[in-house]
């Protein structure tokens, strides 16, 4: 199966940001394909230094742990160009380990080709 997760929450809502990466990693661990797309305020999660510093809850690892786990499992992580416009971020502000920047048309195509689409 093919899973697509869209993260629209950013560092302002730390309790909501790890779940798409956790679910995507779990999906790939059982043989599925998974992609996380950061959009709207979620694009801030790809800004250099944010994932390293963002505390989800005091008893959980920082966001970087969940992103690294997802990446190790083969999860593709993309950023939406419209979200960059909303947040004022530029490509050079983002971490290097992203798989790319996509637009709304590409997201819609990916959603149409996915078996499951979840938005956070």
PDB file of N, CA and C in Angstrom:
ATOM      1  N   UNK A   1       0.840  -1.186   0.000  1.00  0.00           N
ATOM      2  CA  UNK A   1       0.000   0.000   0.000  1.00  0.00           C
ATOM      3  C   UNK A   1       0.881   1.243   0.000  1.00  0.00           C
ATOM      4  N   UNK A   2       0.271   2.329  -0.418  1.00  0.00           N
ATOM      5  CA  UNK A   2       0.966   3.605  -0.500  1.00  0.00           C
ATOM      6  C   UNK A   2       0.276   4.597   0.445  1.00  0.00           C
ATOM      7  N   UNK A   3       1.065   5.150   1.385  1.00  0.00           N
ATOM      8  CA  UNK A   3       0.550   6.093   2.370  1.00  0.00           C
ATOM      9  C   UNK A   3       1.132   7.479   2.119  1.00  0.00           C
ATOM     10  N   UNK A   4       0.282   8.499   2.257  1.00  0.00           N
ATOM     11  CA  UNK A   4       0.706   9.887   2.118  1.00  0.00           C
ATOM     12  C   UNK A   4       0.218  10.641   3.350  1.00  0.00           C
ATOM     13  N   UNK A   5       1.165  11.272   4.043  1.00  0.00           N
ATOM     14  CA  UNK A   5       0.855  12.033   5.251  1.00  0.00           C
ATOM     15  C   UNK A   5       1.188  13.498   5.001  1.00  0.00           C
ATOM     16  N   UNK A   6       0.242  14.401   5.272  1.00  0.00           N
ATOM     17  CA  UNK A   6       0.510  15.826   5.146  1.00  0.00           C
ATOM     18  C   UNK A   6       0.531  16.426   6.552  1.00  0.00           C
ATOM     19  N   UNK A   7       1.634  17.089   6.878  1.00  0.00           N
ATOM     20  CA  UNK A   7       1.785  17.744   8.171  1.00  0.00           C
ATOM     21  C   UNK A   7       1.630  19.242   7.984  1.00  0.00           C
ATOM     22  N   UNK A   8       0.551  19.808   8.539  1.00  0.00           N
ATOM     23  CA  UNK A   8       0.324  21.245   8.432  1.00  0.00           C
ATOM     24  C   UNK A   8       0.634  21.965   9.738  1.00  0.00           C
ATOM     25  N   UNK A   9       0.862  21.221  10.814  1.00  0.00           N
ATOM     26  CA  UNK A   9       1.213  21.816  12.103  1.00  0.00           C
ATOM     27  C   UNK A   9       2.711  22.047  12.172  1.00  0.00           C
ATOM     28  N   UNK A  10       3.079  23.125  12.834  1.00  0.00           N
ATOM     29  CA  UNK A  10       4.489  23.457  12.973  1.00  0.00           C
ATOM     30  C   UNK A  10       4.936  23.414  14.419  1.00  0.00           C
ATOM     31  N   UNK A  11       6.072  24.022  14.698  1.00  0.00           N
ATOM     32  CA  UNK A  11       6.632  23.998  16.046  1.00  0.00           C
ATOM     33  C   UNK A  11       5.732  24.638  17.101  1.00  0.00           C
ATOM     34  N   UNK A  12       4.749  25.403  16.668  1.00  0.00           N
ATOM     35  CA  UNK A  12       3.806  26.024  17.597  1.00  0.00           C
ATOM     36  C   UNK A  12       2.902  24.988  18.255  1.00  0.00           C
ATOM     37  N   UNK A  13       2.811  23.786  17.670  1.00  0.00           N
ATOM     38  CA  UNK A  13       1.966  22.706  18.197  1.00  0.00           C
ATOM     39  C   UNK A  13       2.814  21.438  18.337  1.00  0.00           C
ATOM     40  N   UNK A  14       3.799  21.433  19.234  1.00  0.00           N
ATOM     41  CA  UNK A  14       4.757  20.329  19.302  1.00  0.00           C
ATOM     42  C   UNK A  14       4.139  18.954  19.538  1.00  0.00           C
ATOM     43  N   UNK A  15       3.029  18.883  20.236  1.00  0.00           N
ATOM     44  CA  UNK A  15       2.402  17.583  20.510  1.00  0.00           C
ATOM     45  C   UNK A  15       1.824  16.942  19.248  1.00  0.00           C
ATOM     46  N   UNK A  16       1.695  17.718  18.172  1.00  0.00           N
ATOM     47  CA  UNK A  16       1.079  17.208  16.947  1.00  0.00           C
ATOM     48  C   UNK A  16       2.074  16.895  15.828  1.00  0.00           C
ATOM     49  N   UNK A  17       3.366  17.117  16.032  1.00  0.00           N
ATOM     50  CA  UNK A  17       4.279  17.062  14.895  1.00  0.00           C
ATOM     51  C   UNK A  17       4.983  15.722  14.678  1.00  0.00           C
ATOM     52  N   UNK A  18       5.095  14.890  15.689  1.00  0.00           N
ATOM     53  CA  UNK A  18       5.840  13.630  15.534  1.00  0.00           C
ATOM     54  C   UNK A  18       5.002  12.521  14.889  1.00  0.00           C
ATOM     55  N   UNK A  19       3.708  12.542  15.078  1.00  0.00           N
ATOM     56  CA  UNK A  19       2.854  11.429  14.659  1.00  0.00           C
ATOM     57  C   UNK A  19       2.962  11.045  13.182  1.00  0.00           C
ATOM     58  N   UNK A  20       2.965  11.985  12.228  1.00  0.00           N
ATOM     59  CA  UNK A  20       3.093  11.559  10.829  1.00  0.00           C
ATOM     60  C   UNK A  20       4.386  10.791  10.561  1.00  0.00           C
ATOM     61  N   UNK A  21       5.477  11.199  11.209  1.00  0.00           N
ATOM     62  CA  UNK A  21       6.748  10.503  11.028  1.00  0.00           C
ATOM     63  C   UNK A  21       6.705   9.115  11.667  1.00  0.00           C
ATOM     64  N   UNK A  22       6.064   9.000  12.823  1.00  0.00           N
ATOM     65  CA  UNK A  22       5.917   7.704  13.485  1.00  0.00           C
ATOM     66  C   UNK A  22       5.072   6.758  12.632  1.00  0.00           C
ATOM     67  N   UNK A  23       3.947   7.246  12.149  1.00  0.00           N
ATOM     68  CA  UNK A  23       3.060   6.401  11.337  1.00  0.00           C
ATOM     69  C   UNK A  23       3.713   6.010  10.017  1.00  0.00           C
ATOM     70  N   UNK A  24       4.414   6.944   9.402  1.00  0.00           N
ATOM     71  CA  UNK A  24       5.090   6.645   8.136  1.00  0.00           C
ATOM     72  C   UNK A  24       6.166   5.580   8.340  1.00  0.00           C
ATOM     73  N   UNK A  25       6.935   5.694   9.414  1.00  0.00           N
ATOM     74  CA  UNK A  25       7.956   4.686   9.712  1.00  0.00           C
ATOM     75  C   UNK A  25       7.308   3.321   9.929  1.00  0.00           C
ATOM     76  N   UNK A  26       6.218   3.294  10.682  1.00  0.00           N
ATOM     77  CA  UNK A  26       5.518   2.029  10.932  1.00  0.00           C
ATOM     78  C   UNK A  26       4.999   1.426   9.631  1.00  0.00           C
ATOM     79  N   UNK A  27       4.493   2.262   8.741  1.00  0.00           N
ATOM     80  CA  UNK A  27       3.987   1.767   7.457  1.00  0.00           C
ATOM     81  C   UNK A  27       5.093   1.103   6.652  1.00  0.00           C
ATOM     82  N   UNK A  28       6.254   1.724   6.621  1.00  0.00           N
ATOM     83  CA  UNK A  28       7.351   1.147   5.831  1.00  0.00           C
ATOM     84  C   UNK A  28       7.913  -0.108   6.478  1.00  0.00           C
ATOM     85  N   UNK A  29       7.842  -0.200   7.788  1.00  0.00           N
ATOM     86  CA  UNK A  29       8.367  -1.375   8.503  1.00  0.00           C
ATOM     87  C   UNK A  29       7.623  -2.664   8.142  1.00  0.00           C
ATOM     88  N   UNK A  30       6.409  -2.521   7.651  1.00  0.00           N
ATOM     89  CA  UNK A  30       5.641  -3.704   7.242  1.00  0.00           C
ATOM     90  C   UNK A  30       5.487  -3.770   5.720  1.00  0.00           C
ATOM     91  N   UNK A  31       6.397  -3.087   5.007  1.00  0.00           N
ATOM     92  CA  UNK A  31       6.468  -3.241   3.558  1.00  0.00           C
ATOM     93  C   UNK A  31       5.694  -2.261   2.714  1.00  0.00           C
ATOM     94  N   UNK A  32       5.159  -1.220   3.312  1.00  0.00           N
ATOM     95  CA  UNK A  32       4.419  -0.226   2.548  1.00  0.00           C
ATOM     96  C   UNK A  32       5.326   0.936   2.144  1.00  0.00           C
ATOM     97  N   UNK A  33       4.840   1.767   1.245  1.00  0.00           N
ATOM     98  CA  UNK A  33       5.540   2.978   0.830  1.00  0.00           C
ATOM     99  C   UNK A  33       4.910   4.155   1.569  1.00  0.00           C
ATOM    100  N   UNK A  34       5.741   5.082   2.062  1.00  0.00           N
ATOM    101  CA  UNK A  34       5.194   6.213   2.812  1.00  0.00           C
ATOM    102  C   UNK A  34       5.946   7.491   2.475  1.00  0.00           C
ATOM    103  N   UNK A  35       5.183   8.579   2.403  1.00  0.00           N
ATOM    104  CA  UNK A  35       5.731   9.910   2.147  1.00  0.00           C
ATOM    105  C   UNK A  35       5.103  10.877   3.134  1.00  0.00           C
ATOM    106  N   UNK A  36       5.920  11.775   3.675  1.00  0.00           N
ATOM    107  CA  UNK A  36       5.438  12.869   4.516  1.00  0.00           C
ATOM    108  C   UNK A  36       5.665  14.165   3.744  1.00  0.00           C
ATOM    109  N   UNK A  37       4.603  14.956   3.612  1.00  0.00           N
ATOM    110  CA  UNK A  37       4.705  16.261   2.968  1.00  0.00           C
ATOM    111  C   UNK A  37       4.466  17.321   4.036  1.00  0.00           C
ATOM    112  N   UNK A  38       5.418  18.217   4.182  1.00  0.00           N
ATOM    113  CA  UNK A  38       5.294  19.332   5.117  1.00  0.00           C
ATOM    114  C   UNK A  38       4.688  20.507   4.368  1.00  0.00           C
ATOM    115  N   UNK A  39       3.565  21.002   4.869  1.00  0.00           N
ATOM    116  CA  UNK A  39       2.876  22.105   4.208  1.00  0.00           C
ATOM    117  C   UNK A  39       2.430  23.116   5.248  1.00  0.00           C
ATOM    118  N   UNK A  40       2.050  24.295   4.794  1.00  0.00           N
ATOM    119  CA  UNK A  40       1.612  25.384   5.667  1.00  0.00           C
ATOM    120  C   UNK A  40       2.652  25.572   6.776  1.00  0.00           C
ATOM    121  N   UNK A  41       2.222  25.643   8.040  1.00  0.00           N
ATOM    122  CA  UNK A  41       3.164  25.855   9.140  1.00  0.00           C
ATOM    123  C   UNK A  41       4.088  24.660   9.356  1.00  0.00           C
ATOM    124  N   UNK A  42       3.711  23.508   8.823  1.00  0.00           N
ATOM    125  CA  UNK A  42       4.559  22.320   8.915  1.00  0.00           C
ATOM    126  C   UNK A  42       5.900  22.496   8.226  1.00  0.00           C
ATOM    127  N   UNK A  43       5.978  23.418   7.276  1.00  0.00           N
ATOM    128  CA  UNK A  43       7.257  23.685   6.598  1.00  0.00           C
ATOM    129  C   UNK A  43       8.324  24.152   7.573  1.00  0.00           C
ATOM    130  N   UNK A  44       7.903  24.783   8.658  1.00  0.00           N
ATOM    131  CA  UNK A  44       8.868  25.253   9.656  1.00  0.00           C
ATOM    132  C   UNK A  44       9.648  24.095  10.270  1.00  0.00           C
ATOM    133  N   UNK A  45       9.091  22.890  10.238  1.00  0.00           N
ATOM    134  CA  UNK A  45       9.778  21.722  10.798  1.00  0.00           C
ATOM    135  C   UNK A  45      11.019  21.366  10.001  1.00  0.00           C
ATOM    136  N   UNK A  46      11.074  21.806   8.745  1.00  0.00           N
ATOM    137  CA  UNK A  46      12.230  21.537   7.881  1.00  0.00           C
ATOM    138  C   UNK A  46      13.279  22.644   7.954  1.00  0.00           C
ATOM    139  N   UNK A  47      12.997  23.676   8.726  1.00  0.00           N
ATOM    140  CA  UNK A  47      13.965  24.766   8.869  1.00  0.00           C
ATOM    141  C   UNK A  47      15.159  24.265   9.682  1.00  0.00           C
ATOM    142  N   UNK A  48      16.339  24.636   9.249  1.00  0.00           N
ATOM    143  CA  UNK A  48      17.569  24.207   9.925  1.00  0.00           C
ATOM    144  C   UNK A  48      17.484  24.484  11.422  1.00  0.00           C
ATOM    145  N   UNK A  49      17.784  23.453  12.227  1.00  0.00           N
ATOM    146  CA  UNK A  49      17.835  23.578  13.677  1.00  0.00           C
ATOM    147  C   UNK A  49      16.534  23.331  14.408  1.00  0.00           C
ATOM    148  N   UNK A  50      15.395  23.462  13.750  1.00  0.00           N
ATOM    149  CA  UNK A  50      14.108  23.340  14.436  1.00  0.00           C
ATOM    150  C   UNK A  50      13.899  21.929  14.982  1.00  0.00           C
ATOM    151  N   UNK A  51      14.058  20.900  14.157  1.00  0.00           N
ATOM    152  CA  UNK A  51      13.819  19.524  14.612  1.00  0.00           C
ATOM    153  C   UNK A  51      14.799  19.104  15.702  1.00  0.00           C
ATOM    154  N   UNK A  52      16.003  19.666  15.667  1.00  0.00           N
ATOM    155  CA  UNK A  52      17.008  19.336  16.679  1.00  0.00           C
ATOM    156  C   UNK A  52      16.624  19.877  18.044  1.00  0.00           C
ATOM    157  N   UNK A  53      15.923  21.000  18.074  1.00  0.00           N
ATOM    158  CA  UNK A  53      15.594  21.683  19.324  1.00  0.00           C
ATOM    159  C   UNK A  53      14.171  21.431  19.812  1.00  0.00           C
ATOM    160  N   UNK A  54      13.282  20.961  18.935  1.00  0.00           N
ATOM    161  CA  UNK A  54      11.859  20.895  19.278  1.00  0.00           C
ATOM    162  C   UNK A  54      11.551  19.724  20.215  1.00  0.00           C
ATOM    163  N   UNK A  55      11.096  20.058  21.413  1.00  0.00           N
ATOM    164  CA  UNK A  55      10.691  19.072  22.418  1.00  0.00           C
ATOM    165  C   UNK A  55       9.210  18.777  22.208  1.00  0.00           C
ATOM    166  N   UNK A  56       8.897  17.510  21.977  1.00  0.00           N
ATOM    167  CA  UNK A  56       7.496  17.105  21.782  1.00  0.00           C
ATOM    168  C   UNK A  56       6.768  17.172  23.126  1.00  0.00           C
ATOM    169  N   UNK A  57       7.232  16.408  24.082  1.00  0.00           N
ATOM    170  CA  UNK A  57       6.816  16.457  25.482  1.00  0.00           C
ATOM    171  C   UNK A  57       8.070  16.169  26.295  1.00  0.00           C
ATOM    172  N   UNK A  58       8.072  16.517  27.571  1.00  0.00           N
ATOM    173  CA  UNK A  58       9.287  16.301  28.368  1.00  0.00           C
ATOM    174  C   UNK A  58       9.766  14.855  28.427  1.00  0.00           C
ATOM    175  N   UNK A  59       8.876  13.896  28.258  1.00  0.00           N
ATOM    176  CA  UNK A  59       9.279  12.485  28.348  1.00  0.00           C
ATOM    177  C   UNK A  59       9.499  11.819  26.985  1.00  0.00           C
ATOM    178  N   UNK A  60       9.523  12.585  25.933  1.00  0.00           N
ATOM    179  CA  UNK A  60       9.746  12.046  24.588  1.00  0.00           C
ATOM    180  C   UNK A  60      11.021  12.635  23.995  1.00  0.00           C
ATOM    181  N   UNK A  61      11.618  11.920  23.029  1.00  0.00           N
ATOM    182  CA  UNK A  61      12.788  12.495  22.332  1.00  0.00           C
ATOM    183  C   UNK A  61      12.378  13.723  21.521  1.00  0.00           C
ATOM    184  N   UNK A  62      13.359  14.467  21.109  1.00  0.00           N
ATOM    185  CA  UNK A  62      13.109  15.639  20.255  1.00  0.00           C
ATOM    186  C   UNK A  62      12.617  15.176  18.880  1.00  0.00           C
ATOM    187  N   UNK A  63      12.045  16.088  18.129  1.00  0.00           N
ATOM    188  CA  UNK A  63      11.485  15.758  16.817  1.00  0.00           C
ATOM    189  C   UNK A  63      12.513  15.103  15.907  1.00  0.00           C
ATOM    190  N   UNK A  64      13.767  15.516  15.984  1.00  0.00           N
ATOM    191  CA  UNK A  64      14.819  14.951  15.119  1.00  0.00           C
ATOM    192  C   UNK A  64      14.832  13.425  15.190  1.00  0.00           C
ATOM    193  N   UNK A  65      14.601  12.840  16.357  1.00  0.00           N
ATOM    194  CA  UNK A  65      14.582  11.383  16.519  1.00  0.00           C
ATOM    195  C   UNK A  65      13.541  10.747  15.593  1.00  0.00           C
ATOM    196  N   UNK A  66      12.352  11.304  15.550  1.00  0.00           N
ATOM    197  CA  UNK A  66      11.261  10.730  14.761  1.00  0.00           C
ATOM    198  C   UNK A  66      11.497  10.911  13.257  1.00  0.00           C
ATOM    199  N   UNK A  67      12.057  12.044  12.889  1.00  0.00           N
ATOM    200  CA  UNK A  67      12.382  12.268  11.480  1.00  0.00           C
ATOM    201  C   UNK A  67      13.479  11.307  11.040  1.00  0.00           C
ATOM    202  N   UNK A  68      14.521  11.161  11.854  1.00  0.00           N
ATOM    203  CA  UNK A  68      15.614  10.243  11.515  1.00  0.00           C
ATOM    204  C   UNK A  68      15.117   8.808  11.400  1.00  0.00           C
ATOM    205  N   UNK A  69      14.247   8.393  12.315  1.00  0.00           N
ATOM    206  CA  UNK A  69      13.686   7.040  12.252  1.00  0.00           C
ATOM    207  C   UNK A  69      12.931   6.840  10.942  1.00  0.00           C
ATOM    208  N   UNK A  70      12.093   7.799  10.586  1.00  0.00           N
ATOM    209  CA  UNK A  70      11.331   7.698   9.342  1.00  0.00           C
ATOM    210  C   UNK A  70      12.267   7.610   8.137  1.00  0.00           C
ATOM    211  N   UNK A  71      13.272   8.468   8.103  1.00  0.00           N
ATOM    212  CA  UNK A  71      14.226   8.474   6.978  1.00  0.00           C
ATOM    213  C   UNK A  71      14.973   7.137   6.896  1.00  0.00           C
ATOM    214  N   UNK A  72      15.384   6.591   8.044  1.00  0.00           N
ATOM    215  CA  UNK A  72      16.080   5.301   8.062  1.00  0.00           C
ATOM    216  C   UNK A  72      15.195   4.182   7.526  1.00  0.00           C
ATOM    217  N   UNK A  73      13.893   4.329   7.689  1.00  0.00           N
ATOM    218  CA  UNK A  73      12.943   3.317   7.217  1.00  0.00           C
ATOM    219  C   UNK A  73      12.576   3.508   5.741  1.00  0.00           C
ATOM    220  N   UNK A  74      13.090   4.564   5.121  1.00  0.00           N
ATOM    221  CA  UNK A  74      12.814   4.796   3.709  1.00  0.00           C
ATOM    222  C   UNK A  74      11.679   5.754   3.418  1.00  0.00           C
ATOM    223  N   UNK A  75      11.224   6.471   4.420  1.00  0.00           N
ATOM    224  CA  UNK A  75      10.150   7.437   4.209  1.00  0.00           C
ATOM    225  C   UNK A  75      10.696   8.643   3.442  1.00  0.00           C
ATOM    226  N   UNK A  76       9.970   9.044   2.422  1.00  0.00           N
ATOM    227  CA  UNK A  76      10.322  10.228   1.652  1.00  0.00           C
ATOM    228  C   UNK A  76       9.728  11.447   2.370  1.00  0.00           C
ATOM    229  N   UNK A  77      10.520  12.510   2.516  1.00  0.00           N
ATOM    230  CA  UNK A  77      10.047  13.737   3.169  1.00  0.00           C
ATOM    231  C   UNK A  77      10.159  14.886   2.169  1.00  0.00           C
ATOM    232  N   UNK A  78       9.023  15.509   1.896  1.00  0.00           N
ATOM    233  CA  UNK A  78       8.934  16.598   0.923  1.00  0.00           C
ATOM    234  C   UNK A  78       8.383  17.850   1.588  1.00  0.00           C
ATOM    235  N   UNK A  79       8.627  18.988   0.969  1.00  0.00           N
ATOM    236  CA  UNK A  79       8.105  20.269   1.447  1.00  0.00           C
ATOM    237  C   UNK A  79       7.262  20.884   0.340  1.00  0.00           C
ATOM    238  N   UNK A  80       6.150  21.475   0.727  1.00  0.00           N
ATOM    239  CA  UNK A  80       5.240  22.125  -0.223  1.00  0.00           C
ATOM    240  C   UNK A  80       5.688  23.557  -0.485  1.00  0.00           C
ATOM    241  N   UNK A  81       5.812  23.916  -1.736  1.00  0.00           N
ATOM    242  CA  UNK A  81       6.266  25.266  -2.091  1.00  0.00           C
ATOM    243  C   UNK A  81       5.303  26.340  -1.594  1.00  0.00           C
ATOM    244  N   UNK A  82       4.022  26.055  -1.581  1.00  0.00           N
ATOM    245  CA  UNK A  82       3.051  27.025  -1.066  1.00  0.00           C
ATOM    246  C   UNK A  82       3.244  27.283   0.417  1.00  0.00           C
ATOM    247  N   UNK A  83       3.628  26.247   1.148  1.00  0.00           N
ATOM    248  CA  UNK A  83       3.915  26.415   2.572  1.00  0.00           C
ATOM    249  C   UNK A  83       5.136  27.272   2.807  1.00  0.00           C
ATOM    250  N   UNK A  84       6.107  27.171   1.907  1.00  0.00           N
ATOM    251  CA  UNK A  84       7.283  28.036   2.025  1.00  0.00           C
ATOM    252  C   UNK A  84       6.869  29.497   1.868  1.00  0.00           C
ATOM    253  N   UNK A  85       5.954  29.749   0.932  1.00  0.00           N
ATOM    254  CA  UNK A  85       5.463  31.115   0.737  1.00  0.00           C
ATOM    255  C   UNK A  85       4.758  31.626   1.996  1.00  0.00           C
ATOM    256  N   UNK A  86       3.945  30.770   2.611  1.00  0.00           N
ATOM    257  CA  UNK A  86       3.185  31.151   3.808  1.00  0.00           C
ATOM    258  C   UNK A  86       4.118  31.466   4.976  1.00  0.00           C
ATOM    259  N   UNK A  87       5.170  30.678   5.128  1.00  0.00           N
ATOM    260  CA  UNK A  87       6.079  30.841   6.268  1.00  0.00           C
ATOM    261  C   UNK A  87       7.220  31.812   5.986  1.00  0.00           C
ATOM    262  N   UNK A  88       7.404  32.197   4.733  1.00  0.00           N
ATOM    263  CA  UNK A  88       8.491  33.090   4.385  1.00  0.00           C
ATOM    264  C   UNK A  88       9.850  32.406   4.315  1.00  0.00           C
ATOM    265  N   UNK A  89       9.840  31.075   4.336  1.00  0.00           N
ATOM    266  CA  UNK A  89      11.096  30.323   4.252  1.00  0.00           C
ATOM    267  C   UNK A  89      11.550  30.201   2.804  1.00  0.00           C
ATOM    268  N   UNK A  90      12.845  30.100   2.633  1.00  0.00           N
ATOM    269  CA  UNK A  90      13.447  29.897   1.322  1.00  0.00           C
ATOM    270  C   UNK A  90      14.145  28.543   1.323  1.00  0.00           C
ATOM    271  N   UNK A  91      14.368  27.943   0.163  1.00  0.00           N
ATOM    272  CA  UNK A  91      15.027  26.631   0.114  1.00  0.00           C
ATOM    273  C   UNK A  91      16.342  26.576   0.896  1.00  0.00           C
ATOM    274  N   UNK A  92      17.094  27.655   0.896  1.00  0.00           N
ATOM    275  CA  UNK A  92      18.371  27.650   1.619  1.00  0.00           C
ATOM    276  C   UNK A  92      18.195  27.652   3.138  1.00  0.00           C
ATOM    277  N   UNK A  93      16.969  27.903   3.631  1.00  0.00           N
ATOM    278  CA  UNK A  93      16.684  27.858   5.064  1.00  0.00           C
ATOM    279  C   UNK A  93      16.412  26.441   5.557  1.00  0.00           C
ATOM    280  N   UNK A  94      16.268  25.503   4.622  1.00  0.00           N
ATOM    281  CA  UNK A  94      15.827  24.145   4.955  1.00  0.00           C
ATOM    282  C   UNK A  94      16.993  23.180   5.138  1.00  0.00           C
ATOM    283  N   UNK A  95      16.732  22.110   5.881  1.00  0.00           N
ATOM    284  CA  UNK A  95      17.732  21.065   6.079  1.00  0.00           C
ATOM    285  C   UNK A  95      18.028  20.382   4.749  1.00  0.00           C
ATOM    286  N   UNK A  96      19.204  19.810   4.642  1.00  0.00           N
ATOM    287  CA  UNK A  96      19.642  19.196   3.390  1.00  0.00           C
ATOM    288  C   UNK A  96      18.995  17.845   3.106  1.00  0.00           C
ATOM    289  N   UNK A  97      18.528  17.144   4.142  1.00  0.00           N
ATOM    290  CA  UNK A  97      18.066  15.775   3.923  1.00  0.00           C
ATOM    291  C   UNK A  97      16.648  15.644   3.376  1.00  0.00           C
ATOM    292  N   UNK A  98      16.064  16.717   2.915  1.00  0.00           N
ATOM    293  CA  UNK A  98      14.743  16.639   2.281  1.00  0.00           C
ATOM    294  C   UNK A  98      14.855  15.980   0.908  1.00  0.00           C
ATOM    295  N   UNK A  99      13.769  15.363   0.485  1.00  0.00           N
ATOM    296  CA  UNK A  99      13.747  14.715  -0.827  1.00  0.00           C
ATOM    297  C   UNK A  99      13.271  15.647  -1.930  1.00  0.00           C
ATOM    298  N   UNK A 100      12.853  16.852  -1.578  1.00  0.00           N
ATOM    299  CA  UNK A 100      12.454  17.785  -2.608  1.00  0.00           C
ATOM    300  C   UNK A 100      11.382  18.750  -2.158  1.00  0.00           C
ATOM    301  N   UNK A 101      11.080  19.670  -3.058  1.00  0.00           N
ATOM    302  CA  UNK A 101      10.030  20.665  -2.863  1.00  0.00           C
ATOM    303  C   UNK A 101       9.006  20.436  -3.968  1.00  0.00           C
ATOM    304  N   UNK A 102       7.745  20.345  -3.576  1.00  0.00           N
ATOM    305  CA  UNK A 102       6.689  20.080  -4.551  1.00  0.00           C
ATOM    306  C   UNK A 102       5.615  21.163  -4.473  1.00  0.00           C
ATOM    307  N   UNK A 103       4.818  21.245  -5.513  1.00  0.00           N
ATOM    308  CA  UNK A 103       3.689  22.163  -5.544  1.00  0.00           C
ATOM    309  C   UNK A 103       2.381  21.421  -5.322  1.00  0.00           C
ATOM    310  N   UNK A 104       1.319  22.173  -5.302  1.00  0.00           N
ATOM    311  CA  UNK A 104      -0.003  21.601  -5.058  1.00  0.00           C
ATOM    312  C   UNK A 104      -0.427  20.580  -6.097  1.00  0.00           C
ATOM    313  N   UNK A 105      -0.069  20.819  -7.345  1.00  0.00           N
ATOM    314  CA  UNK A 105      -0.440  19.888  -8.405  1.00  0.00           C
ATOM    315  C   UNK A 105       0.206  18.518  -8.178  1.00  0.00           C
ATOM    316  N   UNK A 106       1.486  18.532  -7.809  1.00  0.00           N
ATOM    317  CA  UNK A 106       2.191  17.274  -7.539  1.00  0.00           C
ATOM    318  C   UNK A 106       1.593  16.583  -6.324  1.00  0.00           C
ATOM    319  N   UNK A 107       1.275  17.367  -5.280  1.00  0.00           N
ATOM    320  CA  UNK A 107       0.646  16.760  -4.103  1.00  0.00           C
ATOM    321  C   UNK A 107      -0.666  16.089  -4.493  1.00  0.00           C
ATOM    322  N   UNK A 108      -1.483  16.767  -5.291  1.00  0.00           N
ATOM    323  CA  UNK A 108      -2.759  16.180  -5.703  1.00  0.00           C
ATOM    324  C   UNK A 108      -2.557  14.890  -6.491  1.00  0.00           C
ATOM    325  N   UNK A 109      -1.562  14.859  -7.356  1.00  0.00           N
ATOM    326  CA  UNK A 109      -1.262  13.630  -8.097  1.00  0.00           C
ATOM    327  C   UNK A 109      -0.845  12.516  -7.145  1.00  0.00           C
ATOM    328  N   UNK A 110       0.013  12.858  -6.189  1.00  0.00           N
ATOM    329  CA  UNK A 110       0.458  11.863  -5.215  1.00  0.00           C
ATOM    330  C   UNK A 110      -0.720  11.348  -4.389  1.00  0.00           C
ATOM    331  N   UNK A 111      -1.607  12.250  -3.993  1.00  0.00           N
ATOM    332  CA  UNK A 111      -2.778  11.853  -3.211  1.00  0.00           C
ATOM    333  C   UNK A 111      -3.675  10.913  -4.017  1.00  0.00           C
ATOM    334  N   UNK A 112      -3.838  11.224  -5.292  1.00  0.00           N
ATOM    335  CA  UNK A 112      -4.662  10.376  -6.153  1.00  0.00           C
ATOM    336  C   UNK A 112      -4.081   8.993  -6.366  1.00  0.00           C
ATOM    337  N   UNK A 113      -2.761   8.876  -6.283  1.00  0.00           N
ATOM    338  CA  UNK A 113      -2.090   7.594  -6.477  1.00  0.00           C
ATOM    339  C   UNK A 113      -1.915   6.822  -5.173  1.00  0.00           C
ATOM    340  N   UNK A 114      -2.244   7.454  -4.040  1.00  0.00           N
ATOM    341  CA  UNK A 114      -2.063   6.814  -2.734  1.00  0.00           C
ATOM    342  C   UNK A 114      -3.306   6.044  -2.332  1.00  0.00           C
ATOM    343  N   UNK A 115      -3.076   5.000  -1.549  1.00  0.00           N
ATOM    344  CA  UNK A 115      -4.201   4.234  -1.013  1.00  0.00           C
ATOM    345  C   UNK A 115      -4.792   4.900   0.225  1.00  0.00           C
ATOM    346  N   UNK A 116      -3.927   5.583   0.995  1.00  0.00           N
ATOM    347  CA  UNK A 116      -4.354   6.253   2.222  1.00  0.00           C
ATOM    348  C   UNK A 116      -3.708   7.631   2.264  1.00  0.00           C
ATOM    349  N   UNK A 117      -4.510   8.653   2.560  1.00  0.00           N
ATOM    350  CA  UNK A 117      -4.002  10.018   2.740  1.00  0.00           C
ATOM    351  C   UNK A 117      -4.475  10.502   4.100  1.00  0.00           C
ATOM    352  N   UNK A 118      -3.528  10.956   4.922  1.00  0.00           N
ATOM    353  CA  UNK A 118      -3.860  11.493   6.248  1.00  0.00           C
ATOM    354  C   UNK A 118      -3.294  12.902   6.361  1.00  0.00           C
ATOM    355  N   UNK A 119      -4.075  13.784   6.961  1.00  0.00           N
ATOM    356  CA  UNK A 119      -3.649  15.175   7.119  1.00  0.00           C
ATOM    357  C   UNK A 119      -3.637  15.507   8.609  1.00  0.00           C
ATOM    358  N   UNK A 120      -2.528  16.076   9.041  1.00  0.00           N
ATOM    359  CA  UNK A 120      -2.342  16.434  10.446  1.00  0.00           C
ATOM    360  C   UNK A 120      -2.167  17.941  10.559  1.00  0.00           C
TER     361      UNK A 120
END
